[in-house]
Amino acid sequence: MLRAFQSFGFVVFPCKWKTRSMHFCPQLIPISNPLNYPAEFSSPAVFPRSNNCCSGLKMSASRSESNPDADVASSSSNSSSAMLASTAHKPKLSFCQSCGGPTTHVIPKGEEKMRVVCSLCGKIYYENPKMVVGCLVEHNNKVLLCKRKIQPSYGLWTLPAGYLEIGESAAEGATRETLEEACAEAEVLSPFAQLDIPRIGQSYIIFRAKLKEPQFSPGPESLECALYSLDEIPFDSLAFSSIYVTLKMYIEDVKAGAFKFHYCTINKRPGSSPSDPGGFVLDHHLHS
């Protein structure tokens, strides 16, 4: 069963906290018809449809979802296949980090992808996705948002989130980011969503959490922090598509009266900005 989850891209978390409505092992239910979504979650302007999937959303990278190298425009902006093909880019590394020799781009023997290889010592450099973790903090039927004080998406709202550090678990990283960005101590309740963004090499894990104490204030990377009721969330000024997707799925679950664990792939349109609400297609949405 674990292997079955992993084949869909799910991360299975051993429970150290109360999971409330989470049940292991959950049934995975693919959603293939975007018309089943509530009206506010299936607007064609936000979720353009492809042949076999729902469509789209985005988050940041001084601390996430905005790799400038990934925003190179290409010809087709409406094709999912074009977006998938755009992920096969050439890594930028001119000199070997081991011996200092010049590097070249080749397909090593026995492999199928272009790699950076040192022309002197033969070392092969592999690129791996970055893990971004964050908290969807609930308090009195509201969610905690932070207004960014840094680029990209300066002045726009986001959930507290950032890159996972070596030596910490995903849950630990998410609560650390919440403390850094909102000066708030959060207690993780359950995993809520995994969002993969192949074009920029990032994978998000978002946790539902609650405030240990009803106290928060802007951290060094935030202009301000605020609790928003679900009908007050500023969807027209969110920083990233990943945050947009997460909050829309959260509102759906609240209205349904049951929280699920969601998995989906956010396929970025070539040249789209981090905060562009129509700059992506949402594929492979599954939930438990």
C-alpha atoms as a PDB file:
ATOM      1  CA  MET A   1       0.000   0.000   0.000  1.00  0.00           C
ATOM      2  CA  LEU A   2       2.859   2.380   0.768  1.00  0.00           C
ATOM      3  CA  ARG A   3       4.325   1.734  -2.666  1.00  0.00           C
ATOM      4  CA  ALA A   4       0.896   2.399  -4.196  1.00  0.00           C
ATOM      5  CA  PHE A   5       0.758   5.802  -2.477  1.00  0.00           C
ATOM      6  CA  GLN A   6       4.281   6.647  -3.585  1.00  0.00           C
ATOM      7  CA  SER A   7       3.477   5.797  -7.186  1.00  0.00           C
ATOM      8  CA  PHE A   8       0.920   8.623  -7.131  1.00  0.00           C
ATOM      9  CA  GLY A   9       3.424  11.052  -5.634  1.00  0.00           C
ATOM     10  CA  PHE A  10       1.937  10.951  -2.120  1.00  0.00           C
ATOM     11  CA  VAL A  11       4.025  11.377   0.977  1.00  0.00           C
ATOM     12  CA  VAL A  12       2.771   9.148   3.795  1.00  0.00           C
ATOM     13  CA  PHE A  13       3.343  10.647   7.231  1.00  0.00           C
ATOM     14  CA  PRO A  14       3.705   8.589  10.418  1.00  0.00           C
ATOM     15  CA  CYS A  15       1.255  10.185  12.832  1.00  0.00           C
ATOM     16  CA  LYS A  16       2.835  11.872  15.851  1.00  0.00           C
ATOM     17  CA  TRP A  17      -0.156  14.173  16.162  1.00  0.00           C
ATOM     18  CA  LYS A  18      -3.901  13.722  16.229  1.00  0.00           C
ATOM     19  CA  THR A  19      -5.076  13.461  12.660  1.00  0.00           C
ATOM     20  CA  ARG A  20      -8.753  14.154  13.296  1.00  0.00           C
ATOM     21  CA  SER A  21     -10.530  13.118  10.111  1.00  0.00           C
ATOM     22  CA  MET A  22      -7.465  11.630   8.409  1.00  0.00           C
ATOM     23  CA  HIS A  23      -7.689   7.872   7.983  1.00  0.00           C
ATOM     24  CA  PHE A  24      -4.847   5.596   6.974  1.00  0.00           C
ATOM     25  CA  CYS A  25      -4.746   3.973   4.628  1.00  0.00           C
ATOM     26  CA  PRO A  26      -7.057   6.334   2.679  1.00  0.00           C
ATOM     27  CA  GLN A  27      -8.831   5.593  -0.559  1.00  0.00           C
ATOM     28  CA  LEU A  28      -7.414   7.633  -3.424  1.00  0.00           C
ATOM     29  CA  ILE A  29     -10.120   9.166  -5.570  1.00  0.00           C
ATOM     30  CA  PRO A  30      -9.118  10.723  -8.901  1.00  0.00           C
ATOM     31  CA  ILE A  31     -11.094  13.781  -9.929  1.00  0.00           C
ATOM     32  CA  SER A  32     -11.387  13.820 -13.694  1.00  0.00           C
ATOM     33  CA  ASN A  33     -14.341  16.154 -14.257  1.00  0.00           C
ATOM     34  CA  PRO A  34     -13.622  19.788 -13.347  1.00  0.00           C
ATOM     35  CA  LEU A  35     -17.320  20.574 -13.652  1.00  0.00           C
ATOM     36  CA  ASN A  36     -17.850  18.764 -10.344  1.00  0.00           C
ATOM     37  CA  TYR A  37     -16.047  21.596  -8.566  1.00  0.00           C
ATOM     38  CA  PRO A  38     -18.020  24.368  -6.890  1.00  0.00           C
ATOM     39  CA  ALA A  39     -18.437  27.423  -9.131  1.00  0.00           C
ATOM     40  CA  GLU A  40     -15.745  29.470  -7.416  1.00  0.00           C
ATOM     41  CA  PHE A  41     -13.219  26.643  -7.836  1.00  0.00           C
ATOM     42  CA  SER A  42     -13.918  25.852 -11.485  1.00  0.00           C
ATOM     43  CA  SER A  43     -14.031  29.234 -13.159  1.00  0.00           C
ATOM     44  CA  PRO A  44     -12.635  28.834 -16.690  1.00  0.00           C
ATOM     45  CA  ALA A  45     -10.504  31.935 -16.151  1.00  0.00           C
ATOM     46  CA  VAL A  46      -8.700  30.158 -13.367  1.00  0.00           C
ATOM     47  CA  PHE A  47      -8.944  26.488 -14.302  1.00  0.00           C
ATOM     48  CA  PRO A  48      -8.732  26.196 -18.104  1.00  0.00           C
ATOM     49  CA  ARG A  49      -9.525  22.609 -19.067  1.00  0.00           C
ATOM     50  CA  SER A  50      -7.287  20.184 -20.895  1.00  0.00           C
ATOM     51  CA  ASN A  51      -8.348  16.825 -22.359  1.00  0.00           C
ATOM     52  CA  ASN A  52      -8.198  14.792 -19.173  1.00  0.00           C
ATOM     53  CA  CYS A  53      -7.733  17.094 -16.223  1.00  0.00           C
ATOM     54  CA  CYS A  54      -8.827  20.109 -14.299  1.00  0.00           C
ATOM     55  CA  SER A  55      -6.897  23.295 -14.721  1.00  0.00           C
ATOM     56  CA  GLY A  56      -5.081  25.825 -12.865  1.00  0.00           C
ATOM     57  CA  LEU A  57      -2.898  27.738 -10.146  1.00  0.00           C
ATOM     58  CA  LYS A  58       1.099  29.044  -8.135  1.00  0.00           C
ATOM     59  CA  MET A  59       3.738  30.149  -4.550  1.00  0.00           C
ATOM     60  CA  SER A  60       7.456  31.652  -4.335  1.00  0.00           C
ATOM     61  CA  ALA A  61      11.172  31.375  -4.286  1.00  0.00           C
ATOM     62  CA  SER A  62      13.375  33.621  -2.448  1.00  0.00           C
ATOM     63  CA  ARG A  63      11.492  31.039  -0.507  1.00  0.00           C
ATOM     64  CA  SER A  64       9.595  29.043  -3.111  1.00  0.00           C
ATOM     65  CA  GLU A  65       7.566  28.749  -6.347  1.00  0.00           C
ATOM     66  CA  SER A  66       9.372  31.416  -8.421  1.00  0.00           C
ATOM     67  CA  ASN A  67      12.479  30.114 -10.074  1.00  0.00           C
ATOM     68  CA  PRO A  68      13.443  32.881 -12.534  1.00  0.00           C
ATOM     69  CA  ASP A  69      15.155  30.301 -14.745  1.00  0.00           C
ATOM     70  CA  ALA A  70      11.792  28.613 -15.181  1.00  0.00           C
ATOM     71  CA  ASP A  71      10.038  31.710 -16.499  1.00  0.00           C
ATOM     72  CA  VAL A  72      11.551  31.636 -19.971  1.00  0.00           C
ATOM     73  CA  ALA A  73       8.780  32.093 -22.503  1.00  0.00           C
ATOM     74  CA  SER A  74       8.174  29.413 -25.107  1.00  0.00           C
ATOM     75  CA  SER A  75       5.796  29.139 -28.013  1.00  0.00           C
ATOM     76  CA  SER A  76       2.729  27.219 -26.830  1.00  0.00           C
ATOM     77  CA  SER A  77       1.054  28.496 -23.662  1.00  0.00           C
ATOM     78  CA  ASN A  78      -2.106  26.408 -23.874  1.00  0.00           C
ATOM     79  CA  SER A  79      -0.700  22.916 -24.260  1.00  0.00           C
ATOM     80  CA  SER A  80      -0.039  20.642 -21.296  1.00  0.00           C
ATOM     81  CA  SER A  81       2.423  18.643 -23.372  1.00  0.00           C
ATOM     82  CA  ALA A  82       4.382  21.808 -24.120  1.00  0.00           C
ATOM     83  CA  MET A  83       4.575  22.586 -20.426  1.00  0.00           C
ATOM     84  CA  LEU A  84       5.793  19.101 -19.621  1.00  0.00           C
ATOM     85  CA  ALA A  85       8.414  19.272 -22.351  1.00  0.00           C
ATOM     86  CA  SER A  86       9.644  22.588 -20.994  1.00  0.00           C
ATOM     87  CA  THR A  87      10.835  20.889 -17.813  1.00  0.00           C
ATOM     88  CA  ALA A  88      13.692  19.265 -19.768  1.00  0.00           C
ATOM     89  CA  HIS A  89      16.105  22.195 -19.471  1.00  0.00           C
ATOM     90  CA  LYS A  90      19.868  22.318 -19.389  1.00  0.00           C
ATOM     91  CA  PRO A  91      21.253  22.798 -15.860  1.00  0.00           C
ATOM     92  CA  LYS A  92      23.516  25.830 -15.434  1.00  0.00           C
ATOM     93  CA  LEU A  93      26.844  24.752 -13.956  1.00  0.00           C
ATOM     94  CA  SER A  94      29.998  25.854 -15.776  1.00  0.00           C
ATOM     95  CA  PHE A  95      32.647  24.335 -13.515  1.00  0.00           C
ATOM     96  CA  CYS A  96      32.920  21.115 -11.546  1.00  0.00           C
ATOM     97  CA  GLN A  97      32.472  21.659  -7.813  1.00  0.00           C
ATOM     98  CA  SER A  98      34.897  18.800  -7.092  1.00  0.00           C
ATOM     99  CA  CYS A  99      37.909  19.490  -9.312  1.00  0.00           C
ATOM    100  CA  GLY A 100      37.147  22.857 -10.912  1.00  0.00           C
ATOM    101  CA  GLY A 101      37.193  21.438 -14.425  1.00  0.00           C
ATOM    102  CA  PRO A 102      34.865  22.707 -17.167  1.00  0.00           C
ATOM    103  CA  THR A 103      31.542  20.942 -17.519  1.00  0.00           C
ATOM    104  CA  THR A 104      29.593  19.851 -20.539  1.00  0.00           C
ATOM    105  CA  HIS A 105      26.025  18.710 -21.213  1.00  0.00           C
ATOM    106  CA  VAL A 106      25.802  15.075 -22.282  1.00  0.00           C
ATOM    107  CA  ILE A 107      23.539  12.076 -21.860  1.00  0.00           C
ATOM    108  CA  PRO A 108      25.602   9.620 -19.751  1.00  0.00           C
ATOM    109  CA  LYS A 109      25.751   5.996 -20.821  1.00  0.00           C
ATOM    110  CA  GLY A 110      22.735   4.068 -19.585  1.00  0.00           C
ATOM    111  CA  GLU A 111      20.662   7.216 -18.977  1.00  0.00           C
ATOM    112  CA  GLU A 112      18.071   9.098 -20.995  1.00  0.00           C
ATOM    113  CA  LYS A 113      18.339  12.690 -19.729  1.00  0.00           C
ATOM    114  CA  MET A 114      20.847  15.439 -20.391  1.00  0.00           C
ATOM    115  CA  ARG A 115      23.199  15.893 -17.416  1.00  0.00           C
ATOM    116  CA  VAL A 116      26.000  18.239 -16.432  1.00  0.00           C
ATOM    117  CA  VAL A 117      29.222  16.192 -16.517  1.00  0.00           C
ATOM    118  CA  CYS A 118      32.751  17.286 -15.638  1.00  0.00           C
ATOM    119  CA  SER A 119      35.011  16.945 -18.680  1.00  0.00           C
ATOM    120  CA  LEU A 120      38.020  16.199 -16.443  1.00  0.00           C
ATOM    121  CA  CYS A 121      36.956  13.933 -13.572  1.00  0.00           C
ATOM    122  CA  GLY A 122      33.703  12.671 -15.102  1.00  0.00           C
ATOM    123  CA  LYS A 123      31.504  13.576 -12.126  1.00  0.00           C
ATOM    124  CA  ILE A 124      27.801  13.674 -13.025  1.00  0.00           C
ATOM    125  CA  TYR A 125      25.631  16.364 -11.437  1.00  0.00           C
ATOM    126  CA  TYR A 126      21.987  15.502 -10.807  1.00  0.00           C
ATOM    127  CA  GLU A 127      19.304  18.110 -10.175  1.00  0.00           C
ATOM    128  CA  ASN A 128      16.619  17.262  -7.629  1.00  0.00           C
ATOM    129  CA  PRO A 129      13.420  19.124  -6.724  1.00  0.00           C
ATOM    130  CA  LYS A 130      13.261  21.496  -3.758  1.00  0.00           C
ATOM    131  CA  MET A 131      10.831  20.745  -0.934  1.00  0.00           C
ATOM    132  CA  VAL A 132       8.693  23.660   0.288  1.00  0.00           C
ATOM    133  CA  VAL A 133       6.723  23.282   3.525  1.00  0.00           C
ATOM    134  CA  GLY A 134       4.124  25.487   5.164  1.00  0.00           C
ATOM    135  CA  CYS A 135       1.164  25.759   7.509  1.00  0.00           C
ATOM    136  CA  LEU A 136      -2.463  26.590   6.886  1.00  0.00           C
ATOM    137  CA  VAL A 137      -3.108  27.951  10.383  1.00  0.00           C
ATOM    138  CA  GLU A 138      -6.706  27.920  11.600  1.00  0.00           C
ATOM    139  CA  HIS A 139      -8.040  30.087  14.438  1.00  0.00           C
ATOM    140  CA  ASN A 140     -11.675  30.893  15.237  1.00  0.00           C
ATOM    141  CA  ASN A 141     -12.827  29.816  11.756  1.00  0.00           C
ATOM    142  CA  LYS A 142     -10.211  32.046  10.133  1.00  0.00           C
ATOM    143  CA  VAL A 143      -6.860  31.391   8.451  1.00  0.00           C
ATOM    144  CA  LEU A 144      -3.558  33.172   9.049  1.00  0.00           C
ATOM    145  CA  LEU A 145      -2.028  34.984   6.050  1.00  0.00           C
ATOM    146  CA  CYS A 146       1.198  36.965   5.727  1.00  0.00           C
ATOM    147  CA  LYS A 147       1.840  39.895   3.375  1.00  0.00           C
ATOM    148  CA  ARG A 148       5.255  39.463   1.772  1.00  0.00           C
ATOM    149  CA  LYS A 149       7.997  42.000   2.499  1.00  0.00           C
ATOM    150  CA  ILE A 150      10.396  40.427  -0.008  1.00  0.00           C
ATOM    151  CA  GLN A 151      10.472  39.645  -3.707  1.00  0.00           C
ATOM    152  CA  PRO A 152       9.035  37.902  -5.561  1.00  0.00           C
ATOM    153  CA  SER A 153       5.412  38.927  -5.074  1.00  0.00           C
ATOM    154  CA  TYR A 154       6.223  41.785  -2.690  1.00  0.00           C
ATOM    155  CA  GLY A 155       3.073  43.090  -1.002  1.00  0.00           C
ATOM    156  CA  LEU A 156       0.945  40.050  -1.823  1.00  0.00           C
ATOM    157  CA  TRP A 157      -0.563  37.577   0.644  1.00  0.00           C
ATOM    158  CA  THR A 158       0.637  34.041   1.298  1.00  0.00           C
ATOM    159  CA  LEU A 159       0.552  31.224   3.812  1.00  0.00           C
ATOM    160  CA  PRO A 160       3.695  31.006   5.972  1.00  0.00           C
ATOM    161  CA  ALA A 161       5.944  28.623   4.035  1.00  0.00           C
ATOM    162  CA  GLY A 162       9.509  28.142   2.817  1.00  0.00           C
ATOM    163  CA  TYR A 163      12.242  25.678   1.946  1.00  0.00           C
ATOM    164  CA  LEU A 164      12.754  22.626   4.139  1.00  0.00           C
ATOM    165  CA  GLU A 165      16.137  22.607   5.887  1.00  0.00           C
ATOM    166  CA  ILE A 166      18.513  19.665   6.232  1.00  0.00           C
ATOM    167  CA  GLY A 167      17.991  17.907   9.564  1.00  0.00           C
ATOM    168  CA  GLU A 168      14.316  18.734  10.079  1.00  0.00           C
ATOM    169  CA  SER A 169      11.100  16.934   9.258  1.00  0.00           C
ATOM    170  CA  ALA A 170       8.490  18.471   6.961  1.00  0.00           C
ATOM    171  CA  ALA A 171       6.254  19.268   9.961  1.00  0.00           C
ATOM    172  CA  GLU A 172       9.160  20.838  11.849  1.00  0.00           C
ATOM    173  CA  GLY A 173      10.066  22.963   8.847  1.00  0.00           C
ATOM    174  CA  ALA A 174       6.466  24.131   8.429  1.00  0.00           C
ATOM    175  CA  THR A 175       6.160  25.250  12.043  1.00  0.00           C
ATOM    176  CA  ARG A 176       9.604  26.930  11.878  1.00  0.00           C
ATOM    177  CA  GLU A 177       8.516  28.920   8.818  1.00  0.00           C
ATOM    178  CA  THR A 178       5.329  29.957  10.636  1.00  0.00           C
ATOM    179  CA  LEU A 179       7.395  31.190  13.582  1.00  0.00           C
ATOM    180  CA  GLU A 180       9.807  33.064  11.285  1.00  0.00           C
ATOM    181  CA  GLU A 181       7.207  34.730   9.079  1.00  0.00           C
ATOM    182  CA  ALA A 182       4.350  35.292  11.533  1.00  0.00           C
ATOM    183  CA  CYS A 183       6.056  35.049  14.955  1.00  0.00           C
ATOM    184  CA  ALA A 184       3.405  32.447  15.740  1.00  0.00           C
ATOM    185  CA  GLU A 185       3.794  29.069  17.432  1.00  0.00           C
ATOM    186  CA  ALA A 186       1.757  26.549  15.489  1.00  0.00           C
ATOM    187  CA  GLU A 187       0.724  22.998  16.323  1.00  0.00           C
ATOM    188  CA  VAL A 188       0.376  20.699  13.319  1.00  0.00           C
ATOM    189  CA  LEU A 189      -2.987  18.924  13.104  1.00  0.00           C
ATOM    190  CA  SER A 190      -2.658  16.899   9.904  1.00  0.00           C
ATOM    191  CA  PRO A 191      -1.098  16.942   6.434  1.00  0.00           C
ATOM    192  CA  PHE A 192      -3.441  18.736   4.045  1.00  0.00           C
ATOM    193  CA  ALA A 193      -1.909  18.869   0.557  1.00  0.00           C
ATOM    194  CA  GLN A 194       1.052  17.942  -1.600  1.00  0.00           C
ATOM    195  CA  LEU A 195       1.436  20.178  -4.653  1.00  0.00           C
ATOM    196  CA  ASP A 196       4.072  19.321  -7.258  1.00  0.00           C
ATOM    197  CA  ILE A 197       5.318  22.032  -9.647  1.00  0.00           C
ATOM    198  CA  PRO A 198       7.569  20.157 -12.109  1.00  0.00           C
ATOM    199  CA  ARG A 199       8.464  23.151 -14.298  1.00  0.00           C
ATOM    200  CA  ILE A 200      10.320  24.907 -11.472  1.00  0.00           C
ATOM    201  CA  GLY A 201      11.418  21.757  -9.636  1.00  0.00           C
ATOM    202  CA  GLN A 202       9.450  22.278  -6.430  1.00  0.00           C
ATOM    203  CA  SER A 203       7.131  20.154  -4.315  1.00  0.00           C
ATOM    204  CA  TYR A 204       4.937  21.651  -1.575  1.00  0.00           C
ATOM    205  CA  ILE A 205       3.708  19.986   1.586  1.00  0.00           C
ATOM    206  CA  ILE A 206       1.072  22.038   3.398  1.00  0.00           C
ATOM    207  CA  PHE A 207      -0.168  21.132   6.889  1.00  0.00           C
ATOM    208  CA  ARG A 208      -3.312  22.127   8.695  1.00  0.00           C
ATOM    209  CA  ALA A 209      -2.306  23.662  12.006  1.00  0.00           C
ATOM    210  CA  LYS A 210      -3.641  25.711  14.919  1.00  0.00           C
ATOM    211  CA  LEU A 211      -2.157  28.484  17.048  1.00  0.00           C
ATOM    212  CA  LYS A 212      -0.783  27.330  20.383  1.00  0.00           C
ATOM    213  CA  GLU A 213      -1.428  30.851  21.670  1.00  0.00           C
ATOM    214  CA  PRO A 214      -3.567  33.520  19.954  1.00  0.00           C
ATOM    215  CA  GLN A 215      -0.527  35.668  19.254  1.00  0.00           C
ATOM    216  CA  PHE A 216       1.190  36.598  15.987  1.00  0.00           C
ATOM    217  CA  SER A 217       3.029  39.538  14.429  1.00  0.00           C
ATOM    218  CA  PRO A 218       5.013  40.198  11.240  1.00  0.00           C
ATOM    219  CA  GLY A 219       8.425  38.557  11.010  1.00  0.00           C
ATOM    220  CA  PRO A 220      11.381  39.977   9.036  1.00  0.00           C
ATOM    221  CA  GLU A 221       9.938  38.769   5.705  1.00  0.00           C
ATOM    222  CA  SER A 222       6.368  39.994   6.315  1.00  0.00           C
ATOM    223  CA  LEU A 223       4.820  43.463   6.074  1.00  0.00           C
ATOM    224  CA  GLU A 224       1.829  42.363   8.132  1.00  0.00           C
ATOM    225  CA  CYS A 225      -0.074  39.294   9.277  1.00  0.00           C
ATOM    226  CA  ALA A 226      -3.821  38.884   9.617  1.00  0.00           C
ATOM    227  CA  LEU A 227      -6.563  36.344  10.244  1.00  0.00           C
ATOM    228  CA  TYR A 228      -9.074  36.125   7.392  1.00  0.00           C
ATOM    229  CA  SER A 229     -12.490  34.505   7.413  1.00  0.00           C
ATOM    230  CA  LEU A 230     -13.055  32.268   4.405  1.00  0.00           C
ATOM    231  CA  ASP A 231     -15.276  34.782   2.615  1.00  0.00           C
ATOM    232  CA  GLU A 232     -12.717  37.572   3.143  1.00  0.00           C
ATOM    233  CA  ILE A 233      -9.615  35.845   1.713  1.00  0.00           C
ATOM    234  CA  PRO A 234      -8.023  38.243  -0.842  1.00  0.00           C
ATOM    235  CA  PHE A 235      -7.879  35.846  -3.794  1.00  0.00           C
ATOM    236  CA  ASP A 236      -7.111  38.722  -6.171  1.00  0.00           C
ATOM    237  CA  SER A 237      -3.886  39.536  -4.297  1.00  0.00           C
ATOM    238  CA  LEU A 238      -2.389  36.149  -3.379  1.00  0.00           C
ATOM    239  CA  ALA A 239       1.339  35.706  -3.952  1.00  0.00           C
ATOM    240  CA  PHE A 240       1.460  32.276  -5.586  1.00  0.00           C
ATOM    241  CA  SER A 241      -0.698  29.789  -7.453  1.00  0.00           C
ATOM    242  CA  SER A 242       0.120  27.084  -4.898  1.00  0.00           C
ATOM    243  CA  ILE A 243      -1.455  29.244  -2.184  1.00  0.00           C
ATOM    244  CA  TYR A 244      -4.486  29.903  -4.388  1.00  0.00           C
ATOM    245  CA  VAL A 245      -4.976  26.175  -4.990  1.00  0.00           C
ATOM    246  CA  THR A 246      -4.490  25.279  -1.320  1.00  0.00           C
ATOM    247  CA  LEU A 247      -7.012  27.828  -0.061  1.00  0.00           C
ATOM    248  CA  LYS A 248      -9.614  26.876  -2.679  1.00  0.00           C
ATOM    249  CA  MET A 249      -9.321  23.187  -1.728  1.00  0.00           C
ATOM    250  CA  TYR A 250      -9.524  24.129   1.956  1.00  0.00           C
ATOM    251  CA  ILE A 251     -12.738  26.115   1.425  1.00  0.00           C
ATOM    252  CA  GLU A 252     -14.217  23.154  -0.468  1.00  0.00           C
ATOM    253  CA  ASP A 253     -13.438  20.821   2.437  1.00  0.00           C
ATOM    254  CA  VAL A 254     -14.869  23.234   5.019  1.00  0.00           C
ATOM    255  CA  LYS A 255     -18.112  23.496   3.039  1.00  0.00           C
ATOM    256  CA  ALA A 256     -18.245  19.697   2.704  1.00  0.00           C
ATOM    257  CA  GLY A 257     -17.698  19.278   6.447  1.00  0.00           C
ATOM    258  CA  ALA A 258     -14.751  16.873   6.025  1.00  0.00           C
ATOM    259  CA  PHE A 259     -11.050  17.467   5.497  1.00  0.00           C
ATOM    260  CA  LYS A 260      -9.182  15.392   2.905  1.00  0.00           C
ATOM    261  CA  PHE A 261      -5.547  14.955   1.965  1.00  0.00           C
ATOM    262  CA  HIS A 262      -5.058  16.401  -1.522  1.00  0.00           C
ATOM    263  CA  TYR A 263      -2.452  15.711  -4.176  1.00  0.00           C
ATOM    264  CA  CYS A 264      -2.149  17.582  -7.463  1.00  0.00           C
ATOM    265  CA  THR A 265       0.329  18.780 -10.078  1.00  0.00           C
ATOM    266  CA  ILE A 266       0.540  22.470 -10.939  1.00  0.00           C
ATOM    267  CA  ASN A 267       1.829  22.822 -14.498  1.00  0.00           C
ATOM    268  CA  LYS A 268       3.093  26.379 -14.952  1.00  0.00           C
ATOM    269  CA  ARG A 269       2.565  28.160 -18.233  1.00  0.00           C
ATOM    270  CA  PRO A 270       5.845  29.312 -19.848  1.00  0.00           C
ATOM    271  CA  GLY A 271       6.540  32.934 -18.965  1.00  0.00           C
ATOM    272  CA  SER A 272       3.856  33.189 -16.261  1.00  0.00           C
ATOM    273  CA  SER A 273       4.583  35.203 -13.138  1.00  0.00           C
ATOM    274  CA  PRO A 274       4.378  33.675  -9.625  1.00  0.00           C
ATOM    275  CA  SER A 275       1.102  35.480  -8.840  1.00  0.00           C
ATOM    276  CA  ASP A 276      -0.642  34.925 -12.185  1.00  0.00           C
ATOM    277  CA  PRO A 277      -3.950  33.160 -11.295  1.00  0.00           C
ATOM    278  CA  GLY A 278      -4.333  31.882 -14.851  1.00  0.00           C
ATOM    279  CA  GLY A 279      -0.710  30.943 -15.321  1.00  0.00           C
ATOM    280  CA  PHE A 280      -1.039  27.225 -14.729  1.00  0.00           C
ATOM    281  CA  VAL A 281      -3.065  24.090 -15.302  1.00  0.00           C
ATOM    282  CA  LEU A 282      -4.050  21.830 -12.417  1.00  0.00           C
ATOM    283  CA  ASP A 283      -3.532  18.150 -13.251  1.00  0.00           C
ATOM    284  CA  HIS A 284      -3.947  14.790 -11.489  1.00  0.00           C
ATOM    285  CA  HIS A 285      -5.991  16.061  -8.548  1.00  0.00           C
ATOM    286  CA  LEU A 286      -6.453  13.148  -6.155  1.00  0.00           C
ATOM    287  CA  HIS A 287      -7.703  13.130  -2.599  1.00  0.00           C
ATOM    288  CA  SER A 288      -8.159  10.668   0.228  1.00  0.00           C
END
